[in-house]
Amino acid sequence: MLFTTNGIEINTNLSENSFEQLQNGTYKIGLFSDNPGINNDDNNTYYQTVTDDQNEQKRVFKNKVTVNLLDGNRINAHIIHWHPSREYFCITTSPFWNQFDTNNYDENIPVCPSSKIEAF
């Protein structure tokens, strides 16, 4: 589905429900190009090492990461959608992800959902 904001069009692969969340501001779009290193799992800013059920270590996104968004805001939130070939991602402002928070963020950056960030 085609999402347009501030004259920029992004052809997303979001399902209808996810696209509605993008339109209502629960999801927000960020670009790889505005967040250097976000597509490199060796980057400790965005990734952490965890041990899986088979006792093997893997690199995964931190629960919340600080990112620059397409609308110009900088926010600490959970990455809910990842599209490497189109080089964009979506964060969610849903409070659901707060229960997994390990406070691995900069205290000077707004954290969702306690800060209200205007929809695109």
N, C-alpha and C. Protein backbone atom coordinates (compact mmCIF):
# COMPACT_ATOMS: atom_id res chain seq x y z
N MET A 1 0.83 -1.17 0.00
CA MET A 1 0.00 0.00 0.00
C MET A 1 0.88 1.24 0.00
N LEU A 2 0.49 2.22 -0.73
CA LEU A 2 1.27 3.44 -0.89
C LEU A 2 0.98 4.41 0.25
N PHE A 3 2.03 4.80 0.96
CA PHE A 3 1.91 5.77 2.05
C PHE A 3 2.57 7.06 1.60
N THR A 4 1.88 8.18 1.79
CA THR A 4 2.40 9.48 1.39
C THR A 4 2.42 10.41 2.59
N THR A 5 3.55 11.07 2.79
CA THR A 5 3.67 12.08 3.83
C THR A 5 4.65 13.15 3.38
N ASN A 6 4.29 14.40 3.57
CA ASN A 6 5.16 15.52 3.22
C ASN A 6 5.71 15.42 1.80
N GLY A 7 4.88 14.93 0.88
CA GLY A 7 5.28 14.81 -0.52
C GLY A 7 6.16 13.61 -0.83
N ILE A 8 6.43 12.77 0.15
CA ILE A 8 7.25 11.58 -0.04
C ILE A 8 6.33 10.37 -0.08
N GLU A 9 6.52 9.54 -1.10
CA GLU A 9 5.73 8.32 -1.24
C GLU A 9 6.59 7.10 -0.95
N ILE A 10 6.04 6.19 -0.15
CA ILE A 10 6.73 4.93 0.15
C ILE A 10 5.75 3.80 -0.14
N ASN A 11 6.16 2.91 -1.02
CA ASN A 11 5.35 1.75 -1.33
C ASN A 11 5.63 0.70 -0.26
N THR A 12 4.67 0.51 0.65
CA THR A 12 4.87 -0.42 1.77
C THR A 12 4.30 -1.79 1.43
N ASN A 13 4.68 -2.75 2.23
CA ASN A 13 4.10 -4.09 2.13
C ASN A 13 3.29 -4.40 3.39
N LEU A 14 2.77 -3.36 4.02
CA LEU A 14 2.01 -3.52 5.24
C LEU A 14 0.62 -4.09 4.97
N SER A 15 0.16 -4.95 5.87
CA SER A 15 -1.21 -5.46 5.78
C SER A 15 -2.18 -4.32 6.07
N GLU A 16 -3.44 -4.57 5.83
CA GLU A 16 -4.45 -3.52 6.02
C GLU A 16 -4.44 -2.98 7.45
N ASN A 17 -4.41 -3.85 8.46
CA ASN A 17 -4.40 -3.43 9.85
C ASN A 17 -3.14 -2.62 10.17
N SER A 18 -2.00 -3.09 9.73
CA SER A 18 -0.75 -2.37 9.98
C SER A 18 -0.73 -1.04 9.25
N PHE A 19 -1.26 -1.00 8.03
CA PHE A 19 -1.31 0.25 7.28
C PHE A 19 -2.21 1.26 8.00
N GLU A 20 -3.31 0.80 8.57
CA GLU A 20 -4.19 1.69 9.34
C GLU A 20 -3.44 2.26 10.54
N GLN A 21 -2.61 1.45 11.18
CA GLN A 21 -1.83 1.94 12.31
C GLN A 21 -0.79 2.97 11.87
N LEU A 22 -0.27 2.81 10.68
CA LEU A 22 0.63 3.81 10.12
C LEU A 22 -0.13 5.12 9.87
N GLN A 23 -1.31 5.01 9.30
CA GLN A 23 -2.10 6.20 9.00
C GLN A 23 -2.56 6.92 10.27
N ASN A 24 -2.87 6.18 11.34
CA ASN A 24 -3.35 6.84 12.55
C ASN A 24 -2.23 7.26 13.50
N GLY A 25 -0.98 6.99 13.14
CA GLY A 25 0.16 7.47 13.92
C GLY A 25 0.68 6.50 14.97
N THR A 26 0.06 5.33 15.11
CA THR A 26 0.59 4.33 16.04
C THR A 26 1.91 3.78 15.52
N TYR A 27 2.00 3.58 14.21
CA TYR A 27 3.26 3.24 13.55
C TYR A 27 3.80 4.50 12.89
N LYS A 28 5.13 4.59 12.81
CA LYS A 28 5.78 5.69 12.12
C LYS A 28 6.94 5.10 11.30
N ILE A 29 7.24 5.74 10.18
CA ILE A 29 8.27 5.23 9.26
C ILE A 29 9.61 5.92 9.47
N GLY A 30 10.66 5.10 9.40
CA GLY A 30 12.02 5.60 9.39
C GLY A 30 12.76 4.99 8.21
N LEU A 31 13.78 5.67 7.75
CA LEU A 31 14.57 5.20 6.62
C LEU A 31 15.95 4.75 7.09
N PHE A 32 16.46 3.72 6.47
CA PHE A 32 17.82 3.27 6.78
C PHE A 32 18.81 4.42 6.61
N SER A 33 18.63 5.20 5.54
CA SER A 33 19.58 6.27 5.23
C SER A 33 19.65 7.34 6.31
N ASP A 34 18.60 7.48 7.11
CA ASP A 34 18.59 8.47 8.19
C ASP A 34 19.08 7.89 9.52
N ASN A 35 19.42 6.60 9.51
CA ASN A 35 19.83 5.90 10.73
C ASN A 35 21.03 5.00 10.43
N PRO A 36 22.21 5.61 10.25
CA PRO A 36 23.40 4.84 9.88
C PRO A 36 23.66 3.69 10.85
N GLY A 37 23.89 2.51 10.28
CA GLY A 37 24.21 1.33 11.06
C GLY A 37 23.01 0.49 11.45
N ILE A 38 21.80 0.95 11.16
CA ILE A 38 20.62 0.21 11.59
C ILE A 38 20.48 -1.14 10.88
N ASN A 39 21.09 -1.26 9.73
CA ASN A 39 21.02 -2.53 8.99
C ASN A 39 22.28 -3.38 9.18
N ASN A 40 23.06 -3.08 10.20
CA ASN A 40 24.29 -3.82 10.49
C ASN A 40 24.18 -4.41 11.90
N ASP A 41 23.98 -5.71 12.00
CA ASP A 41 23.75 -6.30 13.32
C ASP A 41 24.99 -6.31 14.22
N ASP A 42 26.12 -5.82 13.73
CA ASP A 42 27.29 -5.63 14.59
C ASP A 42 27.21 -4.31 15.34
N ASN A 43 26.25 -3.48 15.01
CA ASN A 43 26.10 -2.15 15.62
C ASN A 43 25.41 -2.28 16.97
N ASN A 44 26.13 -1.94 18.04
CA ASN A 44 25.58 -2.07 19.39
C ASN A 44 24.58 -0.98 19.75
N THR A 45 24.44 0.02 18.93
CA THR A 45 23.43 1.05 19.17
C THR A 45 22.03 0.46 19.00
N TYR A 46 21.87 -0.41 18.02
CA TYR A 46 20.57 -0.96 17.69
C TYR A 46 20.38 -2.42 18.09
N TYR A 47 21.48 -3.14 18.22
CA TYR A 47 21.41 -4.59 18.42
C TYR A 47 22.03 -5.01 19.75
N GLN A 48 21.60 -6.18 20.22
CA GLN A 48 22.18 -6.79 21.40
C GLN A 48 22.33 -8.29 21.15
N THR A 49 23.14 -8.93 21.95
CA THR A 49 23.32 -10.37 21.85
C THR A 49 22.43 -11.05 22.89
N VAL A 50 21.68 -12.04 22.44
CA VAL A 50 20.83 -12.83 23.35
C VAL A 50 21.15 -14.31 23.15
N THR A 51 20.79 -15.10 24.13
CA THR A 51 20.95 -16.54 24.04
C THR A 51 19.58 -17.16 23.78
N ASP A 52 19.47 -17.96 22.72
CA ASP A 52 18.17 -18.54 22.36
C ASP A 52 17.92 -19.84 23.13
N ASP A 53 16.82 -20.49 22.83
CA ASP A 53 16.41 -21.72 23.53
C ASP A 53 17.39 -22.88 23.34
N GLN A 54 18.17 -22.84 22.26
CA GLN A 54 19.17 -23.88 22.01
C GLN A 54 20.53 -23.50 22.58
N ASN A 55 20.54 -22.47 23.42
CA ASN A 55 21.75 -21.97 24.07
C ASN A 55 22.78 -21.42 23.08
N GLU A 56 22.27 -20.89 21.96
CA GLU A 56 23.14 -20.25 20.96
C GLU A 56 22.94 -18.75 21.02
N GLN A 57 24.02 -18.02 20.82
CA GLN A 57 23.93 -16.56 20.85
C GLN A 57 23.52 -16.02 19.49
N LYS A 58 22.65 -15.01 19.52
CA LYS A 58 22.18 -14.35 18.30
C LYS A 58 22.15 -12.85 18.53
N ARG A 59 22.29 -12.11 17.45
CA ARG A 59 22.17 -10.65 17.50
C ARG A 59 20.74 -10.29 17.11
N VAL A 60 20.09 -9.50 17.94
CA VAL A 60 18.71 -9.09 17.70
C VAL A 60 18.58 -7.61 18.02
N PHE A 61 17.51 -7.00 17.50
CA PHE A 61 17.25 -5.61 17.86
C PHE A 61 17.00 -5.50 19.36
N LYS A 62 17.45 -4.41 19.95
CA LYS A 62 17.06 -4.09 21.31
C LYS A 62 15.56 -3.86 21.32
N ASN A 63 14.92 -4.01 22.46
CA ASN A 63 13.48 -3.80 22.54
C ASN A 63 13.09 -2.42 22.01
N LYS A 64 13.82 -1.41 22.43
CA LYS A 64 13.58 -0.06 21.93
C LYS A 64 14.91 0.54 21.49
N VAL A 65 14.86 1.27 20.41
CA VAL A 65 16.04 1.93 19.88
C VAL A 65 15.69 3.37 19.55
N THR A 66 16.69 4.23 19.60
CA THR A 66 16.49 5.63 19.25
C THR A 66 16.74 5.79 17.75
N VAL A 67 15.73 6.30 17.05
CA VAL A 67 15.80 6.41 15.59
C VAL A 67 15.32 7.78 15.13
N ASN A 68 15.77 8.15 13.94
CA ASN A 68 15.29 9.34 13.24
C ASN A 68 14.17 8.89 12.31
N LEU A 69 13.05 9.61 12.37
CA LEU A 69 11.89 9.23 11.58
C LEU A 69 11.74 10.10 10.34
N LEU A 70 10.95 9.61 9.40
CA LEU A 70 10.69 10.32 8.16
C LEU A 70 10.06 11.69 8.41
N ASP A 71 9.29 11.82 9.49
CA ASP A 71 8.63 13.09 9.79
C ASP A 71 9.55 14.09 10.47
N GLY A 72 10.83 13.72 10.67
CA GLY A 72 11.80 14.63 11.26
C GLY A 72 11.98 14.47 12.76
N ASN A 73 11.14 13.67 13.40
CA ASN A 73 11.27 13.44 14.84
C ASN A 73 12.34 12.40 15.13
N ARG A 74 12.87 12.48 16.34
CA ARG A 74 13.81 11.48 16.85
C ARG A 74 13.12 10.89 18.08
N ILE A 75 13.04 9.56 18.14
CA ILE A 75 12.26 8.90 19.18
C ILE A 75 12.88 7.58 19.57
N ASN A 76 12.60 7.15 20.79
CA ASN A 76 13.02 5.85 21.27
C ASN A 76 11.79 4.96 21.29
N ALA A 77 11.77 3.92 20.45
CA ALA A 77 10.58 3.07 20.32
C ALA A 77 10.97 1.70 19.79
N HIS A 78 9.97 0.82 19.74
CA HIS A 78 10.15 -0.56 19.29
C HIS A 78 10.00 -0.65 17.77
N ILE A 79 10.94 -1.32 17.10
CA ILE A 79 10.81 -1.57 15.65
C ILE A 79 9.83 -2.72 15.47
N ILE A 80 8.73 -2.46 14.78
CA ILE A 80 7.67 -3.43 14.60
C ILE A 80 7.65 -4.03 13.20
N HIS A 81 8.26 -3.33 12.24
CA HIS A 81 8.26 -3.79 10.85
C HIS A 81 9.60 -3.43 10.22
N TRP A 82 10.13 -4.34 9.43
CA TRP A 82 11.48 -4.20 8.85
C TRP A 82 11.42 -4.60 7.39
N HIS A 83 11.83 -3.70 6.50
CA HIS A 83 11.81 -4.02 5.07
C HIS A 83 13.17 -3.67 4.46
N PRO A 84 14.13 -4.61 4.50
CA PRO A 84 15.49 -4.31 4.05
C PRO A 84 15.62 -3.98 2.56
N SER A 85 14.83 -4.60 1.70
CA SER A 85 15.01 -4.32 0.27
C SER A 85 14.51 -2.92 -0.11
N ARG A 86 13.57 -2.38 0.63
CA ARG A 86 13.09 -1.01 0.37
C ARG A 86 13.71 -0.01 1.34
N GLU A 87 14.53 -0.54 2.25
CA GLU A 87 15.31 0.27 3.19
C GLU A 87 14.47 1.21 4.05
N TYR A 88 13.38 0.67 4.59
CA TYR A 88 12.59 1.41 5.57
C TYR A 88 12.19 0.47 6.69
N PHE A 89 11.74 1.05 7.79
CA PHE A 89 11.23 0.29 8.92
C PHE A 89 10.09 1.09 9.55
N CYS A 90 9.31 0.43 10.38
CA CYS A 90 8.27 1.11 11.14
C CYS A 90 8.53 0.89 12.63
N ILE A 91 8.32 1.93 13.40
CA ILE A 91 8.33 1.80 14.85
C ILE A 91 6.89 1.86 15.31
N THR A 92 6.64 1.40 16.53
CA THR A 92 5.31 1.49 17.09
C THR A 92 5.35 2.30 18.38
N THR A 93 4.32 3.09 18.58
CA THR A 93 4.19 3.86 19.81
C THR A 93 3.31 3.14 20.82
N SER A 94 2.96 1.88 20.55
CA SER A 94 2.11 1.10 21.45
C SER A 94 2.80 0.89 22.79
N PRO A 95 2.09 1.09 23.90
CA PRO A 95 2.69 0.86 25.22
C PRO A 95 2.95 -0.61 25.53
N PHE A 96 2.44 -1.53 24.71
CA PHE A 96 2.66 -2.96 24.93
C PHE A 96 4.13 -3.29 25.13
N TRP A 97 5.01 -2.66 24.36
CA TRP A 97 6.43 -2.99 24.37
C TRP A 97 7.16 -2.48 25.59
N ASN A 98 6.53 -1.60 26.37
CA ASN A 98 7.17 -1.08 27.59
C ASN A 98 7.48 -2.18 28.59
N GLN A 99 6.68 -3.24 28.61
CA GLN A 99 6.90 -4.31 29.58
C GLN A 99 8.23 -5.04 29.37
N PHE A 100 8.80 -4.91 28.19
CA PHE A 100 10.08 -5.56 27.88
C PHE A 100 11.26 -4.59 27.95
N ASP A 101 10.99 -3.38 28.37
CA ASP A 101 12.00 -2.32 28.36
C ASP A 101 13.11 -2.61 29.36
N THR A 102 14.35 -2.42 28.91
CA THR A 102 15.51 -2.57 29.78
C THR A 102 16.23 -1.25 29.99
N ASN A 103 15.54 -0.15 29.61
CA ASN A 103 16.09 1.21 29.79
C ASN A 103 17.44 1.39 29.10
N ASN A 104 17.56 0.89 27.88
CA ASN A 104 18.81 1.02 27.13
C ASN A 104 18.73 2.20 26.16
N TYR A 105 18.26 3.33 26.66
CA TYR A 105 18.07 4.48 25.79
C TYR A 105 18.59 5.76 26.45
N ASP A 106 18.76 6.75 25.65
CA ASP A 106 19.20 8.06 26.08
C ASP A 106 18.03 8.78 26.75
N GLU A 107 18.19 9.22 27.99
CA GLU A 107 17.11 9.85 28.72
C GLU A 107 16.66 11.17 28.11
N ASN A 108 17.43 11.74 27.20
CA ASN A 108 17.07 13.02 26.58
C ASN A 108 16.20 12.85 25.34
N ILE A 109 15.95 11.61 24.93
CA ILE A 109 15.14 11.33 23.73
C ILE A 109 13.74 10.93 24.18
N PRO A 110 12.70 11.46 23.54
CA PRO A 110 11.34 11.06 23.92
C PRO A 110 11.14 9.55 23.80
N VAL A 111 10.47 9.00 24.78
CA VAL A 111 10.17 7.58 24.80
C VAL A 111 8.67 7.42 24.62
N CYS A 112 8.26 6.55 23.74
CA CYS A 112 6.83 6.30 23.53
C CYS A 112 6.31 5.41 24.64
N PRO A 113 5.07 5.53 25.04
CA PRO A 113 4.08 6.49 24.58
C PRO A 113 3.97 7.70 25.48
N SER A 114 4.85 7.87 26.44
CA SER A 114 4.68 8.96 27.38
C SER A 114 4.80 10.33 26.74
N SER A 115 5.51 10.42 25.63
CA SER A 115 5.58 11.70 24.92
C SER A 115 4.68 11.65 23.72
N LYS A 116 3.95 12.69 23.51
CA LYS A 116 3.04 12.77 22.36
C LYS A 116 3.83 13.33 21.19
N ILE A 117 3.89 12.56 20.13
CA ILE A 117 4.54 13.02 18.91
C ILE A 117 3.46 13.09 17.85
N GLU A 118 3.37 14.21 17.21
CA GLU A 118 2.32 14.41 16.21
C GLU A 118 2.46 13.41 15.08
N ALA A 119 1.33 12.96 14.59
CA ALA A 119 1.33 12.09 13.40
C ALA A 119 1.86 12.87 12.23
N PHE A 120 2.35 12.17 11.23
CA PHE A 120 2.91 12.83 10.04
C PHE A 120 1.94 13.89 9.63
